[in-house]
């Protein structure tokens, strides 16, 4: 449930044009219970939990930290070696190039 809420918050922030999302994090000792990690401190999230979503610790003091997730956009890929190799493989196996569908009137 918590993962779903976090994904929803990330999506909402991105939809609103935010460039990043920040949360306070805490590095719990190895073997700490889930109750302690998620129920006792409801406003501070485990660092490993945030890291699973791509958050990185920006600043820390002791076990506490400020974690940030950058919400950058998609980066266009310039045709390079990979595309040339795929083209050679397609030609070798006789796979036709994709043809765009005609527009619907």
PDB file of N, CA and C in Angstrom:
ATOM      1  N   UNK A   1       0.830  -1.190   0.000  1.00  0.00           N
ATOM      2  CA  UNK A   1       0.000   0.000   0.000  1.00  0.00           C
ATOM      3  C   UNK A   1       0.874   1.253   0.000  1.00  0.00           C
ATOM      4  N   UNK A   2       1.925   1.250   0.806  1.00  0.00           N
ATOM      5  CA  UNK A   2       2.784   2.432   0.887  1.00  0.00           C
ATOM      6  C   UNK A   2       3.481   2.699  -0.445  1.00  0.00           C
ATOM      7  N   UNK A   3       3.882   1.625  -1.142  1.00  0.00           N
ATOM      8  CA  UNK A   3       4.506   1.811  -2.452  1.00  0.00           C
ATOM      9  C   UNK A   3       3.531   2.477  -3.421  1.00  0.00           C
ATOM     10  N   UNK A   4       2.275   2.065  -3.396  1.00  0.00           N
ATOM     11  CA  UNK A   4       1.266   2.647  -4.284  1.00  0.00           C
ATOM     12  C   UNK A   4       1.063   4.125  -3.981  1.00  0.00           C
ATOM     13  N   UNK A   5       1.042   4.475  -2.703  1.00  0.00           N
ATOM     14  CA  UNK A   5       0.885   5.881  -2.329  1.00  0.00           C
ATOM     15  C   UNK A   5       2.077   6.710  -2.797  1.00  0.00           C
ATOM     16  N   UNK A   6       3.260   6.149  -2.667  1.00  0.00           N
ATOM     17  CA  UNK A   6       4.453   6.862  -3.109  1.00  0.00           C
ATOM     18  C   UNK A   6       4.448   7.046  -4.618  1.00  0.00           C
ATOM     19  N   UNK A   7       4.081   6.002  -5.351  1.00  0.00           N
ATOM     20  CA  UNK A   7       4.016   6.121  -6.809  1.00  0.00           C
ATOM     21  C   UNK A   7       2.981   7.166  -7.219  1.00  0.00           C
ATOM     22  N   UNK A   8       1.859   7.211  -6.509  1.00  0.00           N
ATOM     23  CA  UNK A   8       0.832   8.216  -6.801  1.00  0.00           C
ATOM     24  C   UNK A   8       1.361   9.624  -6.522  1.00  0.00           C
ATOM     25  N   UNK A   9       2.086   9.790  -5.425  1.00  0.00           N
ATOM     26  CA  UNK A   9       2.651  11.100  -5.088  1.00  0.00           C
ATOM     27  C   UNK A   9       3.693  11.529  -6.120  1.00  0.00           C
ATOM     28  N   UNK A  10       4.509  10.594  -6.566  1.00  0.00           N
ATOM     29  CA  UNK A  10       5.515  10.894  -7.585  1.00  0.00           C
ATOM     30  C   UNK A  10       4.827  11.307  -8.883  1.00  0.00           C
ATOM     31  N   UNK A  11       3.801  10.565  -9.275  1.00  0.00           N
ATOM     32  CA  UNK A  11       3.060  10.891 -10.490  1.00  0.00           C
ATOM     33  C   UNK A  11       2.376  12.242 -10.397  1.00  0.00           C
ATOM     34  N   UNK A  12       1.789  12.534  -9.254  1.00  0.00           N
ATOM     35  CA  UNK A  12       1.113  13.818  -9.046  1.00  0.00           C
ATOM     36  C   UNK A  12       2.113  14.971  -9.131  1.00  0.00           C
ATOM     37  N   UNK A  13       3.259  14.807  -8.503  1.00  0.00           N
ATOM     38  CA  UNK A  13       4.280  15.857  -8.546  1.00  0.00           C
ATOM     39  C   UNK A  13       4.764  16.079  -9.973  1.00  0.00           C
ATOM     40  N   UNK A  14       4.951  15.007 -10.695  1.00  0.00           N
ATOM     41  CA  UNK A  14       5.407  15.118 -12.089  1.00  0.00           C
ATOM     42  C   UNK A  14       4.342  15.796 -12.954  1.00  0.00           C
ATOM     43  N   UNK A  15       3.073  15.423 -12.752  1.00  0.00           N
ATOM     44  CA  UNK A  15       1.979  16.023 -13.522  1.00  0.00           C
ATOM     45  C   UNK A  15       1.869  17.524 -13.268  1.00  0.00           C
ATOM     46  N   UNK A  16       2.227  17.944 -12.075  1.00  0.00           N
ATOM     47  CA  UNK A  16       2.157  19.368 -11.727  1.00  0.00           C
ATOM     48  C   UNK A  16       3.408  20.135 -12.152  1.00  0.00           C
ATOM     49  N   UNK A  17       4.335  19.432 -12.797  1.00  0.00           N
ATOM     50  CA  UNK A  17       5.518  20.099 -13.329  1.00  0.00           C
ATOM     51  C   UNK A  17       6.669  20.247 -12.354  1.00  0.00           C
ATOM     52  N   UNK A  18       6.641  19.508 -11.251  1.00  0.00           N
ATOM     53  CA  UNK A  18       7.735  19.596 -10.285  1.00  0.00           C
ATOM     54  C   UNK A  18       9.019  19.040 -10.900  1.00  0.00           C
ATOM     55  N   UNK A  19      10.132  19.645 -10.569  1.00  0.00           N
ATOM     56  CA  UNK A  19      11.421  19.170 -11.079  1.00  0.00           C
ATOM     57  C   UNK A  19      12.013  18.087 -10.189  1.00  0.00           C
ATOM     58  N   UNK A  20      11.503  17.986  -8.965  1.00  0.00           N
ATOM     59  CA  UNK A  20      12.016  16.978  -8.048  1.00  0.00           C
ATOM     60  C   UNK A  20      11.083  16.806  -6.872  1.00  0.00           C
ATOM     61  N   UNK A  21      11.338  15.766  -6.107  1.00  0.00           N
ATOM     62  CA  UNK A  21      10.535  15.451  -4.934  1.00  0.00           C
ATOM     63  C   UNK A  21      11.504  15.133  -3.804  1.00  0.00           C
ATOM     64  N   UNK A  22      11.273  15.729  -2.626  1.00  0.00           N
ATOM     65  CA  UNK A  22      12.168  15.514  -1.497  1.00  0.00           C
ATOM     66  C   UNK A  22      11.415  14.902  -0.324  1.00  0.00           C
ATOM     67  N   UNK A  23      12.130  14.095   0.450  1.00  0.00           N
ATOM     68  CA  UNK A  23      11.553  13.467   1.639  1.00  0.00           C
ATOM     69  C   UNK A  23      12.661  13.263   2.666  1.00  0.00           C
ATOM     70  N   UNK A  24      12.289  13.331   3.924  1.00  0.00           N
ATOM     71  CA  UNK A  24      13.256  13.034   4.972  1.00  0.00           C
ATOM     72  C   UNK A  24      13.418  11.523   5.065  1.00  0.00           C
ATOM     73  N   UNK A  25      14.641  11.104   5.265  1.00  0.00           N
ATOM     74  CA  UNK A  25      14.926   9.671   5.320  1.00  0.00           C
ATOM     75  C   UNK A  25      15.735   9.345   6.571  1.00  0.00           C
ATOM     76  N   UNK A  26      15.714   8.068   6.907  1.00  0.00           N
ATOM     77  CA  UNK A  26      16.441   7.603   8.084  1.00  0.00           C
ATOM     78  C   UNK A  26      17.069   6.258   7.758  1.00  0.00           C
ATOM     79  N   UNK A  27      18.327   6.100   8.101  1.00  0.00           N
ATOM     80  CA  UNK A  27      19.035   4.839   7.874  1.00  0.00           C
ATOM     81  C   UNK A  27      18.901   3.987   9.136  1.00  0.00           C
ATOM     82  N   UNK A  28      17.990   3.031   9.076  1.00  0.00           N
ATOM     83  CA  UNK A  28      17.724   2.178  10.233  1.00  0.00           C
ATOM     84  C   UNK A  28      18.805   1.114  10.373  1.00  0.00           C
ATOM     85  N   UNK A  29      19.040   0.657  11.608  1.00  0.00           N
ATOM     86  CA  UNK A  29      20.002  -0.435  11.812  1.00  0.00           C
ATOM     87  C   UNK A  29      19.526  -1.711  11.111  1.00  0.00           C
ATOM     88  N   UNK A  30      20.459  -2.546  10.728  1.00  0.00           N
ATOM     89  CA  UNK A  30      20.149  -3.820  10.075  1.00  0.00           C
ATOM     90  C   UNK A  30      19.230  -4.655  10.969  1.00  0.00           C
ATOM     91  N   UNK A  31      18.182  -5.211  10.382  1.00  0.00           N
ATOM     92  CA  UNK A  31      17.285  -6.092  11.123  1.00  0.00           C
ATOM     93  C   UNK A  31      16.176  -5.384  11.887  1.00  0.00           C
ATOM     94  N   UNK A  32      16.018  -4.082  11.703  1.00  0.00           N
ATOM     95  CA  UNK A  32      14.953  -3.337  12.390  1.00  0.00           C
ATOM     96  C   UNK A  32      13.596  -3.827  11.893  1.00  0.00           C
ATOM     97  N   UNK A  33      12.615  -3.881  12.778  1.00  0.00           N
ATOM     98  CA  UNK A  33      11.295  -4.407  12.419  1.00  0.00           C
ATOM     99  C   UNK A  33      10.549  -3.457  11.489  1.00  0.00           C
ATOM    100  N   UNK A  34       9.623  -4.015  10.721  1.00  0.00           N
ATOM    101  CA  UNK A  34       8.788  -3.197   9.834  1.00  0.00           C
ATOM    102  C   UNK A  34       7.938  -2.234  10.645  1.00  0.00           C
ATOM    103  N   UNK A  35       7.506  -2.677  11.806  1.00  0.00           N
ATOM    104  CA  UNK A  35       6.709  -1.804  12.674  1.00  0.00           C
ATOM    105  C   UNK A  35       7.501  -0.544  13.013  1.00  0.00           C
ATOM    106  N   UNK A  36       8.737  -0.728  13.417  1.00  0.00           N
ATOM    107  CA  UNK A  36       9.589   0.408  13.782  1.00  0.00           C
ATOM    108  C   UNK A  36       9.870   1.284  12.561  1.00  0.00           C
ATOM    109  N   UNK A  37      10.101   0.655  11.425  1.00  0.00           N
ATOM    110  CA  UNK A  37      10.480   1.392  10.216  1.00  0.00           C
ATOM    111  C   UNK A  37       9.330   2.193   9.610  1.00  0.00           C
ATOM    112  N   UNK A  38       8.097   1.687   9.679  1.00  0.00           N
ATOM    113  CA  UNK A  38       6.996   2.346   8.982  1.00  0.00           C
ATOM    114  C   UNK A  38       5.886   2.877   9.878  1.00  0.00           C
ATOM    115  N   UNK A  39       5.761   2.384  11.105  1.00  0.00           N
ATOM    116  CA  UNK A  39       4.648   2.801  11.966  1.00  0.00           C
ATOM    117  C   UNK A  39       5.047   3.827  13.022  1.00  0.00           C
ATOM    118  N   UNK A  40       6.233   3.700  13.565  1.00  0.00           N
ATOM    119  CA  UNK A  40       6.646   4.589  14.651  1.00  0.00           C
ATOM    120  C   UNK A  40       6.949   5.988  14.127  1.00  0.00           C
ATOM    121  N   UNK A  41       7.736   6.072  13.075  1.00  0.00           N
ATOM    122  CA  UNK A  41       8.115   7.366  12.490  1.00  0.00           C
ATOM    123  C   UNK A  41       7.368   7.538  11.181  1.00  0.00           C
ATOM    124  N   UNK A  42       6.205   8.139  11.225  1.00  0.00           N
ATOM    125  CA  UNK A  42       5.353   8.224  10.036  1.00  0.00           C
ATOM    126  C   UNK A  42       5.745   9.338   9.078  1.00  0.00           C
ATOM    127  N   UNK A  43       6.623  10.234   9.485  1.00  0.00           N
ATOM    128  CA  UNK A  43       7.009  11.325   8.591  1.00  0.00           C
ATOM    129  C   UNK A  43       8.438  11.185   8.085  1.00  0.00           C
ATOM    130  N   UNK A  44       9.153  10.179   8.561  1.00  0.00           N
ATOM    131  CA  UNK A  44      10.520   9.933   8.118  1.00  0.00           C
ATOM    132  C   UNK A  44      10.547   8.531   7.518  1.00  0.00           C
ATOM    133  N   UNK A  45      11.005   8.436   6.265  1.00  0.00           N
ATOM    134  CA  UNK A  45      10.969   7.167   5.554  1.00  0.00           C
ATOM    135  C   UNK A  45      12.330   6.485   5.576  1.00  0.00           C
ATOM    136  N   UNK A  46      12.345   5.163   5.560  1.00  0.00           N
ATOM    137  CA  UNK A  46      13.619   4.442   5.497  1.00  0.00           C
ATOM    138  C   UNK A  46      14.374   4.785   4.211  1.00  0.00           C
ATOM    139  N   UNK A  47      15.683   5.018   4.339  1.00  0.00           N
ATOM    140  CA  UNK A  47      16.489   5.369   3.166  1.00  0.00           C
ATOM    141  C   UNK A  47      16.440   4.296   2.094  1.00  0.00           C
ATOM    142  N   UNK A  48      16.480   3.030   2.494  1.00  0.00           N
ATOM    143  CA  UNK A  48      16.463   1.967   1.489  1.00  0.00           C
ATOM    144  C   UNK A  48      15.126   1.914   0.750  1.00  0.00           C
ATOM    145  N   UNK A  49      14.040   2.235   1.435  1.00  0.00           N
ATOM    146  CA  UNK A  49      12.720   2.291   0.798  1.00  0.00           C
ATOM    147  C   UNK A  49      12.700   3.386  -0.267  1.00  0.00           C
ATOM    148  N   UNK A  50      13.204   4.568   0.085  1.00  0.00           N
ATOM    149  CA  UNK A  50      13.239   5.676  -0.873  1.00  0.00           C
ATOM    150  C   UNK A  50      14.192   5.377  -2.028  1.00  0.00           C
ATOM    151  N   UNK A  51      15.299   4.717  -1.731  1.00  0.00           N
ATOM    152  CA  UNK A  51      16.276   4.385  -2.779  1.00  0.00           C
ATOM    153  C   UNK A  51      15.660   3.469  -3.833  1.00  0.00           C
ATOM    154  N   UNK A  52      14.723   2.623  -3.428  1.00  0.00           N
ATOM    155  CA  UNK A  52      14.046   1.743  -4.386  1.00  0.00           C
ATOM    156  C   UNK A  52      13.271   2.535  -5.436  1.00  0.00           C
ATOM    157  N   UNK A  53      12.886   3.761  -5.117  1.00  0.00           N
ATOM    158  CA  UNK A  53      12.168   4.622  -6.055  1.00  0.00           C
ATOM    159  C   UNK A  53      13.105   5.558  -6.809  1.00  0.00           C
ATOM    160  N   UNK A  54      14.393   5.499  -6.501  1.00  0.00           N
ATOM    161  CA  UNK A  54      15.360   6.342  -7.186  1.00  0.00           C
ATOM    162  C   UNK A  54      15.790   7.573  -6.407  1.00  0.00           C
ATOM    163  N   UNK A  55      15.333   7.712  -5.165  1.00  0.00           N
ATOM    164  CA  UNK A  55      15.754   8.846  -4.342  1.00  0.00           C
ATOM    165  C   UNK A  55      17.233   8.704  -4.001  1.00  0.00           C
ATOM    166  N   UNK A  56      17.919   9.836  -3.942  1.00  0.00           N
ATOM    167  CA  UNK A  56      19.321   9.867  -3.532  1.00  0.00           C
ATOM    168  C   UNK A  56      19.455  10.806  -2.342  1.00  0.00           C
ATOM    169  N   UNK A  57      20.302  10.443  -1.391  1.00  0.00           N
ATOM    170  CA  UNK A  57      20.517  11.275  -0.210  1.00  0.00           C
ATOM    171  C   UNK A  57      21.316  12.505  -0.622  1.00  0.00           C
ATOM    172  N   UNK A  58      20.754  13.678  -0.352  1.00  0.00           N
ATOM    173  CA  UNK A  58      21.416  14.935  -0.703  1.00  0.00           C
ATOM    174  C   UNK A  58      22.271  15.449   0.454  1.00  0.00           C
ATOM    175  N   UNK A  59      21.721  15.374   1.662  1.00  0.00           N
ATOM    176  CA  UNK A  59      22.431  15.797   2.874  1.00  0.00           C
ATOM    177  C   UNK A  59      22.087  14.818   3.974  1.00  0.00           C
ATOM    178  N   UNK A  60      23.011  14.639   4.894  1.00  0.00           N
ATOM    179  CA  UNK A  60      22.717  13.766   6.027  1.00  0.00           C
ATOM    180  C   UNK A  60      23.455  14.247   7.265  1.00  0.00           C
ATOM    181  N   UNK A  61      22.905  13.855   8.394  1.00  0.00           N
ATOM    182  CA  UNK A  61      23.517  14.114   9.680  1.00  0.00           C
ATOM    183  C   UNK A  61      23.220  12.897  10.538  1.00  0.00           C
ATOM    184  N   UNK A  62      24.255  12.126  10.816  1.00  0.00           N
ATOM    185  CA  UNK A  62      24.037  10.876  11.534  1.00  0.00           C
ATOM    186  C   UNK A  62      23.244   9.922  10.667  1.00  0.00           C
ATOM    187  N   UNK A  63      22.154   9.396  11.201  1.00  0.00           N
ATOM    188  CA  UNK A  63      21.309   8.458  10.448  1.00  0.00           C
ATOM    189  C   UNK A  63      20.195   9.149   9.667  1.00  0.00           C
ATOM    190  N   UNK A  64      19.968  10.441   9.910  1.00  0.00           N
ATOM    191  CA  UNK A  64      18.899  11.180   9.227  1.00  0.00           C
ATOM    192  C   UNK A  64      19.441  11.834   7.961  1.00  0.00           C
ATOM    193  N   UNK A  65      18.567  11.963   6.969  1.00  0.00           N
ATOM    194  CA  UNK A  65      19.005  12.579   5.727  1.00  0.00           C
ATOM    195  C   UNK A  65      17.858  13.217   4.971  1.00  0.00           C
ATOM    196  N   UNK A  66      18.216  14.007   3.993  1.00  0.00           N
ATOM    197  CA  UNK A  66      17.253  14.582   3.069  1.00  0.00           C
ATOM    198  C   UNK A  66      17.483  13.903   1.728  1.00  0.00           C
ATOM    199  N   UNK A  67      16.474  13.189   1.256  1.00  0.00           N
ATOM    200  CA  UNK A  67      16.584  12.448   0.002  1.00  0.00           C
ATOM    201  C   UNK A  67      15.787  13.162  -1.078  1.00  0.00           C
ATOM    202  N   UNK A  68      16.272  13.078  -2.315  1.00  0.00           N
ATOM    203  CA  UNK A  68      15.624  13.768  -3.433  1.00  0.00           C
ATOM    204  C   UNK A  68      15.522  12.838  -4.635  1.00  0.00           C
ATOM    205  N   UNK A  69      14.391  12.947  -5.315  1.00  0.00           N
ATOM    206  CA  UNK A  69      14.164  12.237  -6.566  1.00  0.00           C
ATOM    207  C   UNK A  69      14.026  13.280  -7.661  1.00  0.00           C
ATOM    208  N   UNK A  70      14.926  13.258  -8.633  1.00  0.00           N
ATOM    209  CA  UNK A  70      14.845  14.178  -9.763  1.00  0.00           C
ATOM    210  C   UNK A  70      13.778  13.670 -10.723  1.00  0.00           C
ATOM    211  N   UNK A  71      12.903  14.570 -11.162  1.00  0.00           N
ATOM    212  CA  UNK A  71      11.818  14.195 -12.062  1.00  0.00           C
ATOM    213  C   UNK A  71      12.074  14.751 -13.458  1.00  0.00           C
ATOM    214  N   UNK A  72      13.202  14.398 -14.031  1.00  0.00           N
ATOM    215  CA  UNK A  72      13.539  14.861 -15.372  1.00  0.00           C
ATOM    216  C   UNK A  72      12.654  14.207 -16.414  1.00  0.00           C
ATOM    217  N   UNK A  73      12.651  14.783 -17.586  1.00  0.00           N
ATOM    218  CA  UNK A  73      11.844  14.244 -18.676  1.00  0.00           C
ATOM    219  C   UNK A  73      12.588  13.178 -19.453  1.00  0.00           C
ATOM    220  N   UNK A  74      11.948  12.710 -20.495  1.00  0.00           N
ATOM    221  CA  UNK A  74      12.564  11.718 -21.361  1.00  0.00           C
ATOM    222  C   UNK A  74      13.632  12.387 -22.209  1.00  0.00           C
ATOM    223  N   UNK A  75      14.701  11.677 -22.438  1.00  0.00           N
ATOM    224  CA  UNK A  75      15.791  12.188 -23.249  1.00  0.00           C
ATOM    225  C   UNK A  75      15.752  11.465 -24.591  1.00  0.00           C
ATOM    226  N   UNK A  76      15.644  12.210 -25.696  1.00  0.00           N
ATOM    227  CA  UNK A  76      15.596  11.537 -26.995  1.00  0.00           C
ATOM    228  C   UNK A  76      16.916  10.833 -27.291  1.00  0.00           C
ATOM    229  N   UNK A  77      16.806   9.679 -27.914  1.00  0.00           N
ATOM    230  CA  UNK A  77      17.988   8.896 -28.254  1.00  0.00           C
ATOM    231  C   UNK A  77      18.392   9.230 -29.679  1.00  0.00           C
ATOM    232  N   UNK A  78      19.640   9.578 -29.854  1.00  0.00           N
ATOM    233  CA  UNK A  78      20.169   9.859 -31.181  1.00  0.00           C
ATOM    234  C   UNK A  78      20.594   8.534 -31.790  1.00  0.00           C
ATOM    235  N   UNK A  79      20.302   8.365 -33.077  1.00  0.00           N
ATOM    236  CA  UNK A  79      20.665   7.108 -33.724  1.00  0.00           C
ATOM    237  C   UNK A  79      22.168   6.911 -33.613  1.00  0.00           C
ATOM    238  N   UNK A  80      22.533   5.769 -33.122  1.00  0.00           N
ATOM    239  CA  UNK A  80      23.944   5.485 -32.916  1.00  0.00           C
ATOM    240  C   UNK A  80      24.266   4.057 -33.289  1.00  0.00           C
ATOM    241  N   UNK A  81      25.242   3.499 -32.601  1.00  0.00           N
ATOM    242  CA  UNK A  81      25.702   2.144 -32.903  1.00  0.00           C
ATOM    243  C   UNK A  81      24.583   1.120 -32.770  1.00  0.00           C
ATOM    244  N   UNK A  82      23.777   1.248 -31.713  1.00  0.00           N
ATOM    245  CA  UNK A  82      22.725   0.257 -31.475  1.00  0.00           C
ATOM    246  C   UNK A  82      21.773   0.178 -32.662  1.00  0.00           C
ATOM    247  N   UNK A  83      21.346   1.329 -33.177  1.00  0.00           N
ATOM    248  CA  UNK A  83      20.414   1.342 -34.293  1.00  0.00           C
ATOM    249  C   UNK A  83      21.051   0.764 -35.554  1.00  0.00           C
ATOM    250  N   UNK A  84      22.324   1.064 -35.766  1.00  0.00           N
ATOM    251  CA  UNK A  84      23.019   0.510 -36.939  1.00  0.00           C
ATOM    252  C   UNK A  84      23.126  -1.006 -36.830  1.00  0.00           C
ATOM    253  N   UNK A  85      23.432  -1.503 -35.628  1.00  0.00           N
ATOM    254  CA  UNK A  85      23.530  -2.952 -35.423  1.00  0.00           C
ATOM    255  C   UNK A  85      22.166  -3.600 -35.638  1.00  0.00           C
ATOM    256  N   UNK A  86      21.114  -2.997 -35.087  1.00  0.00           N
ATOM    257  CA  UNK A  86      19.768  -3.548 -35.282  1.00  0.00           C
ATOM    258  C   UNK A  86      19.384  -3.552 -36.756  1.00  0.00           C
ATOM    259  N   UNK A  87      19.774  -2.529 -37.483  1.00  0.00           N
ATOM    260  CA  UNK A  87      19.482  -2.476 -38.911  1.00  0.00           C
ATOM    261  C   UNK A  87      20.173  -3.620 -39.648  1.00  0.00           C
ATOM    262  N   UNK A  88      21.432  -3.879 -39.313  1.00  0.00           N
ATOM    263  CA  UNK A  88      22.173  -4.982 -39.938  1.00  0.00           C
ATOM    264  C   UNK A  88      21.512  -6.317 -39.607  1.00  0.00           C
ATOM    265  N   UNK A  89      21.096  -6.502 -38.359  1.00  0.00           N
ATOM    266  CA  UNK A  89      20.443  -7.752 -37.946  1.00  0.00           C
ATOM    267  C   UNK A  89      19.109  -7.914 -38.668  1.00  0.00           C
ATOM    268  N   UNK A  90      18.334  -6.827 -38.755  1.00  0.00           N
ATOM    269  CA  UNK A  90      17.045  -6.902 -39.471  1.00  0.00           C
ATOM    270  C   UNK A  90      17.261  -7.313 -40.927  1.00  0.00           C
ATOM    271  N   UNK A  91      18.245  -6.695 -41.563  1.00  0.00           N
ATOM    272  CA  UNK A  91      18.526  -7.023 -42.964  1.00  0.00           C
ATOM    273  C   UNK A  91      18.991  -8.465 -43.111  1.00  0.00           C
ATOM    274  N   UNK A  92      19.806  -8.937 -42.178  1.00  0.00           N
ATOM    275  CA  UNK A  92      20.326 -10.301 -42.254  1.00  0.00           C
ATOM    276  C   UNK A  92      19.213 -11.333 -42.114  1.00  0.00           C
ATOM    277  N   UNK A  93      18.213 -11.038 -41.285  1.00  0.00           N
ATOM    278  CA  UNK A  93      17.128 -11.986 -41.060  1.00  0.00           C
ATOM    279  C   UNK A  93      15.887 -11.671 -41.896  1.00  0.00           C
ATOM    280  N   UNK A  94      15.968 -10.664 -42.721  1.00  0.00           N
ATOM    281  CA  UNK A  94      14.849 -10.341 -43.594  1.00  0.00           C
ATOM    282  C   UNK A  94      13.657  -9.727 -42.884  1.00  0.00           C
ATOM    283  N   UNK A  95      13.896  -9.059 -41.775  1.00  0.00           N
ATOM    284  CA  UNK A  95      12.805  -8.403 -41.050  1.00  0.00           C
ATOM    285  C   UNK A  95      12.556  -7.051 -41.705  1.00  0.00           C
ATOM    286  N   UNK A  96      11.332  -6.821 -42.189  1.00  0.00           N
ATOM    287  CA  UNK A  96      11.066  -5.539 -42.857  1.00  0.00           C
ATOM    288  C   UNK A  96      11.056  -4.381 -41.864  1.00  0.00           C
ATOM    289  N   UNK A  97      11.394  -3.210 -42.368  1.00  0.00           N
ATOM    290  CA  UNK A  97      11.334  -1.997 -41.549  1.00  0.00           C
ATOM    291  C   UNK A  97       9.876  -1.688 -41.236  1.00  0.00           C
ATOM    292  N   UNK A  98       9.639  -1.120 -40.085  1.00  0.00           N
ATOM    293  CA  UNK A  98       8.273  -0.751 -39.701  1.00  0.00           C
ATOM    294  C   UNK A  98       7.789   0.390 -40.580  1.00  0.00           C
ATOM    295  N   UNK A  99       6.564   0.264 -41.047  1.00  0.00           N
ATOM    296  CA  UNK A  99       5.957   1.297 -41.886  1.00  0.00           C
ATOM    297  C   UNK A  99       4.854   1.948 -41.072  1.00  0.00           C
ATOM    298  N   UNK A 100       4.862   3.285 -40.976  1.00  0.00           N
ATOM    299  CA  UNK A 100       3.811   3.932 -40.192  1.00  0.00           C
ATOM    300  C   UNK A 100       2.437   3.718 -40.820  1.00  0.00           C
ATOM    301  N   UNK A 101       1.441   3.593 -39.975  1.00  0.00           N
ATOM    302  CA  UNK A 101       0.071   3.406 -40.447  1.00  0.00           C
ATOM    303  C   UNK A 101      -0.433   4.699 -41.065  1.00  0.00           C
ATOM    304  N   UNK A 102      -1.254   4.587 -42.115  1.00  0.00           N
ATOM    305  CA  UNK A 102      -1.797   5.809 -42.719  1.00  0.00           C
ATOM    306  C   UNK A 102      -2.737   6.502 -41.738  1.00  0.00           C
ATOM    307  N   UNK A 103      -2.796   7.834 -41.792  1.00  0.00           N
ATOM    308  CA  UNK A 103      -3.682   8.556 -40.870  1.00  0.00           C
ATOM    309  C   UNK A 103      -5.144   8.251 -41.169  1.00  0.00           C
ATOM    310  N   UNK A 104      -5.927   8.193 -40.114  1.00  0.00           N
ATOM    311  CA  UNK A 104      -7.370   7.964 -40.269  1.00  0.00           C
ATOM    312  C   UNK A 104      -8.052   9.269 -40.650  1.00  0.00           C
ATOM    313  N   UNK A 105      -8.971   9.206 -41.635  1.00  0.00           N
ATOM    314  CA  UNK A 105      -9.658  10.451 -42.044  1.00  0.00           C
ATOM    315  C   UNK A 105     -10.648  10.913 -41.007  1.00  0.00           C
TER     316      UNK A 105
END
